[in-house]
Protein backbone atom coordinates (compact mmCIF):
# COMPACT_ATOMS: atom_id res chain seq x y z
CA MET A 1 111.21 96.75 92.14
CA HIS A 2 107.90 96.78 93.84
CA ILE A 3 107.95 99.26 96.68
CA LEU A 4 108.86 102.95 96.61
CA GLU A 5 112.53 102.61 95.86
CA SER A 6 113.05 105.40 93.32
CA GLU A 7 115.68 107.92 94.40
CA GLY A 8 115.51 106.77 98.04
CA MET A 9 111.93 107.97 98.26
CA GLY A 10 110.21 107.53 101.63
CA LEU A 11 106.67 106.80 102.68
CA SER A 12 106.09 110.31 104.07
CA VAL A 13 106.84 111.96 100.70
CA THR A 14 104.36 109.76 98.85
CA ASP A 15 101.80 110.17 101.63
CA ASP A 16 102.14 113.93 101.17
CA ALA A 17 101.43 113.64 97.43
CA ILE A 18 98.42 111.41 98.11
CA ALA A 19 97.05 113.84 100.70
CA LYS A 20 97.40 116.78 98.29
CA ILE A 21 95.58 114.97 95.47
CA LYS A 22 92.88 113.91 97.92
CA ALA A 23 92.52 117.54 99.07
CA MET A 24 92.07 118.68 95.47
CA ILE A 25 89.27 116.14 94.99
CA VAL A 26 87.55 117.01 98.26
CA SER A 27 87.77 120.76 97.55
CA GLY A 28 86.34 120.34 94.06
CA ASP A 29 89.51 121.47 92.25
CA LEU A 30 89.47 117.99 90.71
CA ARG A 31 85.98 116.71 89.96
CA PRO A 32 84.80 113.17 89.19
CA GLY A 33 85.51 112.52 85.51
CA SER A 34 88.04 115.35 85.21
CA ARG A 35 91.51 114.79 83.81
CA LEU A 36 94.58 115.45 85.95
CA PRO A 37 97.05 118.08 84.66
CA ARG A 38 100.23 116.90 82.95
CA GLU A 39 102.57 115.07 85.35
CA ALA A 40 105.24 117.79 85.31
CA ASP A 41 102.68 120.56 85.85
CA LEU A 42 100.85 118.75 88.66
CA ALA A 43 104.10 117.82 90.43
CA ALA A 44 105.16 121.47 90.34
CA GLU A 45 101.74 122.63 91.56
CA LEU A 46 101.77 120.16 94.47
CA GLY A 47 105.44 120.78 95.30
CA VAL A 48 106.41 117.10 95.02
CA SER A 49 108.80 115.18 92.78
CA ARG A 50 107.47 113.48 89.66
CA ASN A 51 108.46 110.10 91.14
CA SER A 52 106.45 110.81 94.30
CA LEU A 53 103.48 111.89 92.18
CA ARG A 54 103.78 108.74 90.08
CA GLU A 55 103.66 106.53 93.19
CA ALA A 56 100.69 108.48 94.57
CA VAL A 57 98.79 108.06 91.31
CA ARG A 58 99.59 104.34 91.29
CA ALA A 59 98.28 103.96 94.84
CA LEU A 60 95.10 105.92 94.17
CA SER A 61 94.42 104.02 90.95
CA LEU A 62 94.66 100.69 92.79
CA VAL A 63 91.79 101.73 95.05
CA ARG A 64 89.90 103.19 92.06
CA ILE A 65 89.95 106.82 93.05
CA LEU A 66 91.97 107.60 89.91
CA ASP A 67 91.58 105.98 86.51
CA VAL A 68 94.82 105.68 84.51
CA ARG A 69 94.04 105.39 80.79
CA GLN A 70 97.07 104.40 78.75
CA GLY A 71 97.78 106.97 76.04
CA ASP A 72 95.01 109.26 77.25
CA GLY A 73 95.91 110.47 80.74
CA THR A 74 94.76 110.06 84.32
CA TYR A 75 91.23 110.90 85.40
CA VAL A 76 89.35 111.17 88.67
CA ALA A 77 87.01 108.19 88.74
CA SER A 78 83.61 109.06 87.29
CA LEU A 79 81.62 108.42 90.45
CA GLU A 80 78.71 110.02 92.20
CA PRO A 81 79.91 112.12 95.18
CA ASN A 82 78.75 109.55 97.75
CA SER A 83 80.45 106.74 95.86
CA LEU A 84 83.64 108.74 95.56
CA LEU A 85 83.70 109.37 99.29
CA ASP A 86 83.09 105.65 99.85
CA ALA A 87 86.03 104.79 97.59
CA MET A 88 88.19 107.19 99.59
CA SER A 89 87.26 105.47 102.85
CA PHE A 90 90.38 103.30 102.55
CA LEU A 91 92.29 106.24 104.01
CA LEU A 92 89.90 106.44 106.94
CA GLU A 93 90.54 102.77 107.68
CA PHE A 94 94.05 103.72 108.79
CA HIS A 95 93.31 107.04 110.48
CA GLN A 96 89.85 106.95 112.04
CA ASP A 97 88.54 103.39 112.19
CA ASP A 98 89.83 100.67 114.50
CA SER A 99 87.77 97.91 112.85
CA VAL A 100 90.60 96.62 110.63
CA LEU A 101 92.94 96.40 113.63
CA GLU A 102 90.23 94.59 115.60
CA ILE A 103 89.72 92.11 112.76
CA LEU A 104 93.47 91.52 112.62
CA GLY A 105 93.40 91.04 116.40
CA VAL A 106 90.96 88.17 115.96
CA ARG A 107 93.08 86.74 113.16
CA ARG A 108 96.09 86.95 115.48
CA ILE A 109 94.25 84.61 117.85
CA LEU A 110 92.74 82.19 115.31
CA GLU A 111 95.31 81.96 112.52
CA PRO A 112 98.20 80.58 114.59
CA ALA A 113 95.83 77.94 115.99
CA ALA A 114 94.72 76.96 112.47
CA THR A 115 98.35 76.81 111.32
CA ALA A 116 99.30 74.54 114.23
CA LEU A 117 96.39 72.24 113.36
CA ALA A 118 97.48 72.22 109.72
CA ALA A 119 100.95 71.05 110.80
CA ARG A 120 99.26 68.06 112.41
CA HIS A 121 96.65 67.23 109.77
CA ILE A 122 97.74 68.45 106.33
CA SER A 123 97.95 65.80 103.62
CA GLU A 124 100.96 65.49 101.32
CA ALA A 125 98.82 66.61 98.38
CA ASP A 126 97.60 69.70 100.23
CA LEU A 127 101.15 70.45 101.37
CA ALA A 128 102.36 70.29 97.77
CA HIS A 129 99.57 72.68 96.79
CA LEU A 130 100.46 75.04 99.66
CA ARG A 131 104.03 75.28 98.37
CA THR A 132 102.71 76.56 95.03
CA LEU A 133 100.98 79.41 96.89
CA ILE A 134 104.08 80.77 98.69
CA ALA A 135 104.85 83.38 96.03
CA PRO A 136 102.66 84.93 93.31
CA GLU A 137 103.31 84.37 89.63
CA GLY A 138 103.06 88.10 88.86
CA SER A 139 105.03 90.97 90.36
CA ALA A 140 102.18 93.38 91.03
CA VAL A 141 101.00 94.16 94.55
CA THR A 142 97.54 92.90 93.66
CA ASP A 143 99.08 89.56 92.59
CA LEU A 144 100.73 89.26 96.00
CA VAL A 145 97.52 90.07 97.87
CA ALA A 146 95.50 87.55 95.86
CA GLN A 147 98.10 84.86 96.51
CA ASP A 148 98.25 85.85 100.20
CA LEU A 149 94.50 85.27 100.50
CA ASN A 150 94.83 81.87 98.77
CA PHE A 151 97.79 80.85 100.96
CA HIS A 152 96.00 81.55 104.23
CA ALA A 153 92.75 79.98 102.99
CA ALA A 154 94.62 76.78 102.12
CA ILE A 155 96.15 76.61 105.61
CA ALA A 156 92.76 77.17 107.24
CA ALA A 157 91.22 74.41 105.11
CA ALA A 158 94.12 72.07 106.00
CA SER A 159 93.42 72.59 109.71
CA GLY A 160 90.61 70.05 109.39
CA ASN A 161 88.24 72.33 111.32
CA LYS A 162 85.54 73.62 108.97
CA VAL A 163 84.15 76.13 111.47
CA LEU A 164 87.60 77.64 112.06
CA ALA A 165 88.25 77.76 108.30
CA SER A 166 84.91 79.51 107.73
CA LEU A 167 85.62 82.08 110.44
CA LEU A 168 89.03 82.89 109.00
CA ASP A 169 87.59 83.16 105.50
CA SER A 170 85.07 85.75 106.71
CA LEU A 171 87.91 87.76 108.28
CA SER A 172 90.11 87.83 105.16
CA MET A 173 88.28 90.14 102.76
CA PRO A 174 87.76 93.11 105.14
CA THR A 175 91.54 93.50 105.40
CA THR A 176 92.26 93.24 101.66
CA ARG A 177 92.65 97.00 101.13
CA ALA A 178 94.99 97.19 104.14
CA ARG A 179 97.12 94.47 102.56
CA ILE A 180 97.22 96.31 99.24
CA TRP A 181 98.17 99.54 100.97
CA ARG A 182 100.98 97.84 102.88
CA GLY A 183 102.28 96.34 99.65
CA ILE A 184 102.39 99.78 98.04
CA THR A 185 103.86 101.78 100.88
CA GLU A 186 106.12 99.58 103.00
CA GLU A 187 109.56 99.01 101.58
CA GLY A 188 110.35 95.30 101.32
CA ALA A 189 106.78 94.19 102.09
CA PHE A 190 106.65 92.00 98.98
CA GLU A 191 109.84 90.10 99.75
CA ARG A 192 109.07 89.91 103.48
CA THR A 193 105.63 88.40 102.88
CA VAL A 194 107.02 85.73 100.58
CA ALA A 195 109.81 84.87 103.06
CA GLU A 196 107.34 84.60 105.94
CA HIS A 197 105.02 82.40 103.86
CA ARG A 198 107.96 80.12 103.09
CA GLY A 199 108.85 79.89 106.80
CA ILE A 200 105.26 79.02 107.74
CA CYS A 201 105.10 76.38 105.01
CA ASP A 202 108.41 74.86 106.11
CA ALA A 203 107.16 74.60 109.71
CA ILE A 204 103.97 72.88 108.53
CA ALA A 205 106.01 70.52 106.34
CA ALA A 206 108.19 69.67 109.36
CA ARG A 207 104.99 68.70 111.23
CA ASP A 208 106.01 71.10 114.00
CA PRO A 209 102.80 72.65 115.42
CA GLU A 210 104.63 74.91 117.91
CA LEU A 211 106.94 76.39 115.27
CA ALA A 212 104.04 76.75 112.82
CA HIS A 213 102.03 78.56 115.52
CA ALA A 214 104.94 80.90 116.32
CA ARG A 215 105.64 81.81 112.70
CA ALA A 216 101.97 82.44 111.91
CA LEU A 217 101.69 84.62 115.01
CA ALA A 218 104.74 86.67 114.00
CA HIS A 219 103.33 87.01 110.46
CA VAL A 220 99.98 88.48 111.57
CA ALA A 221 101.60 90.54 114.34
CA GLY A 222 103.89 92.17 111.76
CA VAL A 223 100.87 93.36 109.77
CA MET A 224 99.29 94.72 112.96
CA GLU A 225 102.46 96.59 113.92
CA TRP A 226 102.66 98.20 110.47
CA LEU A 227 98.98 99.18 110.56
CA THR A 228 99.35 100.69 114.04
CA ARG A 229 102.24 102.85 112.75
CA ALA A 230 100.26 103.81 109.62
CA ALA A 231 97.27 104.85 111.73
CA ALA A 232 99.33 107.07 114.05
């Protein structure tokens, strides 16, 4: 499974493990390039389960704070201090910076409009291509995020409005880390995203602009609601 399902584990437990590893890096207990202690030892030191620690390491490796080397161990990324702090800024995006929410707010306005236009103008060939982008071929969170970017870009292009498509393209990349983080931490995010993509595609295929608009709005609003909770 994709999202934090081991032993009924919750988001708060994994968040706690992430925060403790982050504190060790910030305090200097773990330095750039240093190897993390054995999993059992570190879990005991942090007071978390090994499953929680494993999920925390997976999350931090995805954003390149930790470097997992198969057969060798897990290391703090070998970065200069300023670069390390920059890499850790993904946490600040959810706790101190409203910019990602503001970008999603603009997407909430523009993306439903683009989706409604796509329902009117999409060609059969582009519709067939869009169906191939509903779900990723791989099962990793990064596969889902890459496919999510492609799916929404294809809809924007099918709107027939090049300016609108360009605007939406410029708004996609700044929220990539938020999408990855949601995929890691929210139970069912993988399956929910795929189901919502399928619903949007079906509305476009039905040539129903109002339904396409409504489903795209609900899709973006769901991400905003999750991010608002994560930032609390």
